[in-house]
Structure formats: structure tokens, C-alpha cells
Amino acid sequence: MTTALYVAAYALLSTGGVLLLRTALKDTGNLSVGTARTLLAEPSFLLGFLLYALSFVTWLLALRRYEVVAIFPVFVGVGYACVVLGGYLFLGESLSATRVAGILVIFAGMALLFR
């Protein structure tokens, strides 16, 4: 698997997981045993947990293959950008100019790391 495939798989899995977990947790109050039981019966929570766990496995596979100083910033940067954009597109969360600028700075930093 190439670096790009690891990054793409991680980004899709982790973003999907985070967005589904956020959807499941959005209307919960304080976490309690009752809330946990309800969440464990919620398909969006279970699928979100599974996707996020698979993203962790993808991270471990990439970490085994690449230097941590090279792969970690890419995974975190791309993951952050995807979650921000996914939150905006699918959850109606805000996307300010500051967040867009932050994403651009992250990508500029990644470009500098690989020069």
C-alpha cells in the first residue's frame, strides 16, 4: 500500500468515525450507565466506533512502515482538515475563515516537511 492510500484510508475511516460518533453523542446529556446502554444500541455509535477503530489499525500499519516524523504530521493534518470539512458539510458546523486559514497553514507545514 502506498503512502497516499494509507493517508486516504485513515482520513476516510477516522473522519467517518468521528462524524458518526458526534451524531450519536449530539443529543446525549451527562454520560451514565443508562446513556452508555443507549449508545451501545445506536447504529451510528457502533459504526462510528468501528470506523474509528479501523482508522487506528490503518495508523498502526503505516507507523510500522514509515518514519513517525514523516507520517504523523500528514495523518494528523489531513485528518483534521477532513473532520473540519465533514463537520461543515454533514453536521452543519461552522467553517470560519480562521479555520480555513488554519487548514492551509497545516498543509503548508506538511509541504515544508517533505522538501
N, C-alpha and C. Protein backbone atom coordinates (compact mmCIF):
# COMPACT_ATOMS: atom_id res chain seq x y z
N MET A 1 0.85 -1.18 0.00
CA MET A 1 0.00 0.00 0.00
C MET A 1 0.89 1.24 0.00
N THR A 2 0.56 2.22 -0.80
CA THR A 2 1.37 3.44 -0.88
C THR A 2 1.01 4.40 0.25
N THR A 3 1.86 5.39 0.44
CA THR A 3 1.61 6.40 1.47
C THR A 3 0.26 7.07 1.26
N ALA A 4 -0.03 7.44 0.02
CA ALA A 4 -1.29 8.12 -0.29
C ALA A 4 -2.49 7.25 0.07
N LEU A 5 -2.39 5.95 -0.17
CA LEU A 5 -3.51 5.06 0.17
C LEU A 5 -3.68 4.94 1.68
N TYR A 6 -2.58 4.87 2.41
CA TYR A 6 -2.68 4.85 3.87
C TYR A 6 -3.35 6.12 4.38
N VAL A 7 -2.91 7.26 3.86
CA VAL A 7 -3.45 8.54 4.31
C VAL A 7 -4.93 8.64 3.95
N ALA A 8 -5.28 8.26 2.72
CA ALA A 8 -6.68 8.33 2.29
C ALA A 8 -7.56 7.40 3.12
N ALA A 9 -7.09 6.18 3.35
CA ALA A 9 -7.86 5.22 4.15
C ALA A 9 -8.05 5.75 5.57
N TYR A 10 -6.96 6.25 6.16
CA TYR A 10 -7.05 6.79 7.51
C TYR A 10 -8.02 7.97 7.56
N ALA A 11 -7.89 8.88 6.61
CA ALA A 11 -8.74 10.08 6.61
C ALA A 11 -10.22 9.70 6.48
N LEU A 12 -10.54 8.81 5.56
CA LEU A 12 -11.93 8.41 5.38
C LEU A 12 -12.48 7.67 6.60
N LEU A 13 -11.70 6.73 7.10
CA LEU A 13 -12.16 5.95 8.25
C LEU A 13 -12.29 6.81 9.51
N SER A 14 -11.28 7.61 9.80
CA SER A 14 -11.34 8.40 11.03
C SER A 14 -12.39 9.50 10.94
N THR A 15 -12.49 10.14 9.78
CA THR A 15 -13.50 11.19 9.62
C THR A 15 -14.90 10.62 9.72
N GLY A 16 -15.14 9.52 9.02
CA GLY A 16 -16.45 8.87 9.12
C GLY A 16 -16.76 8.47 10.55
N GLY A 17 -15.76 7.92 11.24
CA GLY A 17 -15.95 7.51 12.62
C GLY A 17 -16.27 8.68 13.53
N VAL A 18 -15.49 9.74 13.42
CA VAL A 18 -15.70 10.91 14.28
C VAL A 18 -17.07 11.54 14.02
N LEU A 19 -17.45 11.67 12.75
CA LEU A 19 -18.73 12.30 12.43
C LEU A 19 -19.91 11.45 12.92
N LEU A 20 -19.80 10.13 12.78
CA LEU A 20 -20.87 9.26 13.28
C LEU A 20 -20.92 9.27 14.81
N LEU A 21 -19.77 9.27 15.46
CA LEU A 21 -19.76 9.36 16.92
C LEU A 21 -20.36 10.67 17.39
N ARG A 22 -20.02 11.75 16.71
CA ARG A 22 -20.58 13.06 17.07
C ARG A 22 -22.10 13.06 16.90
N THR A 23 -22.57 12.45 15.82
CA THR A 23 -24.01 12.35 15.58
C THR A 23 -24.69 11.58 16.71
N ALA A 24 -24.10 10.47 17.10
CA ALA A 24 -24.68 9.65 18.16
C ALA A 24 -24.66 10.36 19.51
N LEU A 25 -23.62 11.13 19.77
CA LEU A 25 -23.46 11.78 21.08
C LEU A 25 -24.12 13.15 21.17
N LYS A 26 -24.54 13.68 20.04
CA LYS A 26 -25.02 15.07 19.98
C LYS A 26 -26.12 15.38 20.99
N ASP A 27 -27.08 14.51 21.11
CA ASP A 27 -28.23 14.79 21.97
C ASP A 27 -28.20 14.08 23.32
N THR A 28 -27.05 13.51 23.66
CA THR A 28 -26.95 12.85 24.96
C THR A 28 -26.65 13.89 26.03
N GLY A 29 -27.15 13.63 27.19
CA GLY A 29 -26.85 14.50 28.32
C GLY A 29 -25.56 14.04 28.97
N ASN A 30 -25.57 14.04 30.28
CA ASN A 30 -24.42 13.52 31.01
C ASN A 30 -24.26 12.04 30.72
N LEU A 31 -23.01 11.62 30.61
CA LEU A 31 -22.76 10.21 30.37
C LEU A 31 -23.01 9.42 31.64
N SER A 32 -23.79 8.36 31.51
CA SER A 32 -24.10 7.50 32.64
C SER A 32 -24.20 6.07 32.12
N VAL A 33 -24.48 5.15 33.01
CA VAL A 33 -24.65 3.75 32.60
C VAL A 33 -25.82 3.64 31.63
N GLY A 34 -26.89 4.34 31.92
CA GLY A 34 -28.06 4.32 31.03
C GLY A 34 -27.75 4.89 29.66
N THR A 35 -27.00 5.98 29.63
CA THR A 35 -26.59 6.58 28.36
C THR A 35 -25.70 5.63 27.59
N ALA A 36 -24.79 4.97 28.29
CA ALA A 36 -23.90 4.01 27.63
C ALA A 36 -24.69 2.87 27.01
N ARG A 37 -25.68 2.37 27.72
CA ARG A 37 -26.53 1.30 27.17
C ARG A 37 -27.26 1.78 25.92
N THR A 38 -27.77 2.98 25.97
CA THR A 38 -28.47 3.55 24.82
C THR A 38 -27.52 3.69 23.64
N LEU A 39 -26.32 4.19 23.89
CA LEU A 39 -25.34 4.37 22.82
C LEU A 39 -24.92 3.03 22.21
N LEU A 40 -24.78 2.01 23.04
CA LEU A 40 -24.37 0.70 22.54
C LEU A 40 -25.44 0.05 21.66
N ALA A 41 -26.65 0.57 21.71
CA ALA A 41 -27.72 0.08 20.84
C ALA A 41 -27.94 1.00 19.64
N GLU A 42 -27.17 2.07 19.56
CA GLU A 42 -27.32 3.07 18.50
C GLU A 42 -26.42 2.70 17.31
N PRO A 43 -27.00 2.44 16.13
CA PRO A 43 -26.18 2.05 14.97
C PRO A 43 -25.10 3.07 14.60
N SER A 44 -25.41 4.36 14.69
CA SER A 44 -24.41 5.37 14.31
C SER A 44 -23.23 5.35 15.28
N PHE A 45 -23.48 5.07 16.55
CA PHE A 45 -22.40 4.98 17.52
C PHE A 45 -21.53 3.76 17.23
N LEU A 46 -22.17 2.62 17.00
CA LEU A 46 -21.43 1.38 16.75
C LEU A 46 -20.61 1.47 15.46
N LEU A 47 -21.21 1.99 14.40
CA LEU A 47 -20.48 2.13 13.14
C LEU A 47 -19.35 3.15 13.29
N GLY A 48 -19.62 4.25 13.98
CA GLY A 48 -18.58 5.25 14.22
C GLY A 48 -17.41 4.67 14.99
N PHE A 49 -17.71 3.89 16.01
CA PHE A 49 -16.67 3.24 16.80
C PHE A 49 -15.85 2.28 15.95
N LEU A 50 -16.54 1.49 15.12
CA LEU A 50 -15.86 0.54 14.24
C LEU A 50 -14.95 1.26 13.25
N LEU A 51 -15.47 2.30 12.61
CA LEU A 51 -14.65 3.04 11.64
C LEU A 51 -13.44 3.67 12.31
N TYR A 52 -13.65 4.23 13.49
CA TYR A 52 -12.52 4.87 14.19
C TYR A 52 -11.49 3.82 14.60
N ALA A 53 -11.95 2.65 15.03
CA ALA A 53 -11.02 1.56 15.37
C ALA A 53 -10.24 1.11 14.14
N LEU A 54 -10.91 1.02 13.00
CA LEU A 54 -10.22 0.64 11.76
C LEU A 54 -9.21 1.71 11.34
N SER A 55 -9.52 2.98 11.62
CA SER A 55 -8.55 4.03 11.30
C SER A 55 -7.30 3.87 12.17
N PHE A 56 -7.48 3.43 13.40
CA PHE A 56 -6.34 3.19 14.28
C PHE A 56 -5.48 2.04 13.75
N VAL A 57 -6.12 1.00 13.25
CA VAL A 57 -5.38 -0.11 12.65
C VAL A 57 -4.59 0.39 11.44
N THR A 58 -5.22 1.23 10.63
CA THR A 58 -4.52 1.81 9.47
C THR A 58 -3.31 2.61 9.93
N TRP A 59 -3.49 3.38 11.00
CA TRP A 59 -2.39 4.16 11.57
C TRP A 59 -1.25 3.24 11.99
N LEU A 60 -1.57 2.15 12.66
CA LEU A 60 -0.54 1.21 13.11
C LEU A 60 0.21 0.60 11.92
N LEU A 61 -0.51 0.25 10.88
CA LEU A 61 0.14 -0.32 9.69
C LEU A 61 1.08 0.69 9.04
N ALA A 62 0.65 1.93 8.97
CA ALA A 62 1.50 2.98 8.39
C ALA A 62 2.70 3.25 9.29
N LEU A 63 2.47 3.27 10.59
CA LEU A 63 3.55 3.55 11.55
C LEU A 63 4.63 2.47 11.48
N ARG A 64 4.21 1.26 11.20
CA ARG A 64 5.16 0.16 11.07
C ARG A 64 6.06 0.34 9.84
N ARG A 65 5.55 1.03 8.84
CA ARG A 65 6.23 1.13 7.55
C ARG A 65 7.02 2.42 7.36
N TYR A 66 6.57 3.51 7.96
CA TYR A 66 7.16 4.83 7.72
C TYR A 66 7.71 5.44 9.01
N GLU A 67 8.62 6.39 8.84
CA GLU A 67 9.15 7.12 10.00
C GLU A 67 8.03 7.95 10.63
N VAL A 68 7.99 7.94 11.94
CA VAL A 68 6.94 8.66 12.65
C VAL A 68 7.01 10.16 12.37
N VAL A 69 8.21 10.71 12.20
CA VAL A 69 8.34 12.15 11.95
C VAL A 69 7.79 12.53 10.58
N ALA A 70 7.66 11.57 9.69
CA ALA A 70 7.12 11.85 8.36
C ALA A 70 5.61 11.59 8.31
N ILE A 71 5.17 10.50 8.87
CA ILE A 71 3.78 10.10 8.68
C ILE A 71 2.82 10.75 9.68
N PHE A 72 3.26 11.00 10.90
CA PHE A 72 2.37 11.57 11.91
C PHE A 72 1.80 12.93 11.51
N PRO A 73 2.63 13.89 11.08
CA PRO A 73 2.06 15.19 10.70
C PRO A 73 1.06 15.09 9.56
N VAL A 74 1.31 14.19 8.63
CA VAL A 74 0.40 14.03 7.49
C VAL A 74 -0.94 13.46 7.96
N PHE A 75 -0.90 12.42 8.77
CA PHE A 75 -2.14 11.82 9.25
C PHE A 75 -2.94 12.82 10.07
N VAL A 76 -2.28 13.53 10.97
CA VAL A 76 -2.98 14.49 11.82
C VAL A 76 -3.51 15.66 11.00
N GLY A 77 -2.70 16.19 10.10
CA GLY A 77 -3.12 17.33 9.29
C GLY A 77 -4.27 17.01 8.37
N VAL A 78 -4.15 15.92 7.64
CA VAL A 78 -5.22 15.52 6.72
C VAL A 78 -6.47 15.13 7.51
N GLY A 79 -6.27 14.43 8.62
CA GLY A 79 -7.41 14.05 9.46
C GLY A 79 -8.15 15.27 9.98
N TYR A 80 -7.41 16.27 10.45
CA TYR A 80 -8.04 17.49 10.96
C TYR A 80 -8.83 18.18 9.86
N ALA A 81 -8.21 18.35 8.69
CA ALA A 81 -8.87 19.03 7.58
C ALA A 81 -10.16 18.30 7.18
N CYS A 82 -10.10 16.99 7.11
CA CYS A 82 -11.28 16.21 6.72
C CYS A 82 -12.40 16.30 7.76
N VAL A 83 -12.04 16.29 9.03
CA VAL A 83 -13.07 16.39 10.07
C VAL A 83 -13.72 17.78 10.05
N VAL A 84 -12.93 18.82 9.87
CA VAL A 84 -13.49 20.17 9.80
C VAL A 84 -14.43 20.29 8.60
N LEU A 85 -13.99 19.83 7.45
CA LEU A 85 -14.84 19.91 6.25
C LEU A 85 -16.06 18.99 6.37
N GLY A 86 -15.88 17.80 6.92
CA GLY A 86 -17.01 16.89 7.13
C GLY A 86 -18.02 17.45 8.11
N GLY A 87 -17.53 18.06 9.19
CA GLY A 87 -18.43 18.69 10.15
C GLY A 87 -19.25 19.79 9.52
N TYR A 88 -18.62 20.54 8.64
CA TYR A 88 -19.32 21.62 7.93
C TYR A 88 -20.35 21.04 6.96
N LEU A 89 -19.94 20.07 6.14
CA LEU A 89 -20.81 19.54 5.09
C LEU A 89 -21.94 18.66 5.62
N PHE A 90 -21.65 17.83 6.62
CA PHE A 90 -22.62 16.83 7.05
C PHE A 90 -23.32 17.14 8.37
N LEU A 91 -22.70 17.96 9.20
CA LEU A 91 -23.29 18.24 10.51
C LEU A 91 -23.73 19.69 10.66
N GLY A 92 -23.46 20.50 9.65
CA GLY A 92 -23.85 21.90 9.72
C GLY A 92 -23.03 22.73 10.69
N GLU A 93 -21.82 22.27 11.00
CA GLU A 93 -20.96 23.03 11.91
C GLU A 93 -20.33 24.20 11.16
N SER A 94 -19.86 25.18 11.90
CA SER A 94 -19.34 26.40 11.27
C SER A 94 -17.97 26.16 10.63
N LEU A 95 -17.74 26.89 9.57
CA LEU A 95 -16.45 26.85 8.88
C LEU A 95 -16.02 28.30 8.68
N SER A 96 -15.27 28.80 9.63
CA SER A 96 -14.85 30.20 9.60
C SER A 96 -13.62 30.38 8.72
N ALA A 97 -13.36 31.61 8.38
CA ALA A 97 -12.16 31.94 7.62
C ALA A 97 -10.91 31.54 8.40
N THR A 98 -10.97 31.66 9.71
CA THR A 98 -9.84 31.29 10.55
C THR A 98 -9.55 29.79 10.45
N ARG A 99 -10.60 28.98 10.45
CA ARG A 99 -10.39 27.53 10.31
C ARG A 99 -9.83 27.18 8.94
N VAL A 100 -10.35 27.82 7.92
CA VAL A 100 -9.82 27.57 6.56
C VAL A 100 -8.35 27.97 6.51
N ALA A 101 -8.02 29.12 7.09
CA ALA A 101 -6.62 29.56 7.12
C ALA A 101 -5.76 28.57 7.90
N GLY A 102 -6.29 28.04 8.99
CA GLY A 102 -5.56 27.04 9.77
C GLY A 102 -5.27 25.79 8.97
N ILE A 103 -6.25 25.34 8.20
CA ILE A 103 -6.06 24.17 7.34
C ILE A 103 -4.98 24.45 6.30
N LEU A 104 -5.01 25.64 5.71
CA LEU A 104 -4.00 26.00 4.71
C LEU A 104 -2.60 26.05 5.33
N VAL A 105 -2.50 26.57 6.54
CA VAL A 105 -1.21 26.61 7.23
C VAL A 105 -0.72 25.19 7.52
N ILE A 106 -1.62 24.31 7.92
CA ILE A 106 -1.24 22.91 8.16
C ILE A 106 -0.69 22.28 6.89
N PHE A 107 -1.38 22.48 5.77
CA PHE A 107 -0.90 21.90 4.52
C PHE A 107 0.41 22.53 4.07
N ALA A 108 0.59 23.82 4.32
CA ALA A 108 1.87 24.46 4.01
C ALA A 108 2.98 23.85 4.86
N GLY A 109 2.69 23.60 6.12
CA GLY A 109 3.67 22.96 7.00
C GLY A 109 4.03 21.56 6.53
N MET A 110 3.03 20.81 6.07
CA MET A 110 3.32 19.47 5.55
C MET A 110 4.20 19.55 4.30
N ALA A 111 3.94 20.54 3.46
CA ALA A 111 4.77 20.70 2.26
C ALA A 111 6.22 20.99 2.64
N LEU A 112 6.41 21.80 3.68
CA LEU A 112 7.77 22.10 4.14
C LEU A 112 8.46 20.87 4.70
N LEU A 113 7.71 20.02 5.36
CA LEU A 113 8.29 18.80 5.93
C LEU A 113 8.86 17.86 4.87
N PHE A 114 8.28 17.92 3.69
CA PHE A 114 8.69 16.97 2.65
C PHE A 114 9.56 17.60 1.57
N ARG A 115 10.17 18.72 1.86
CA ARG A 115 11.08 19.36 0.90
C ARG A 115 12.46 18.82 1.09
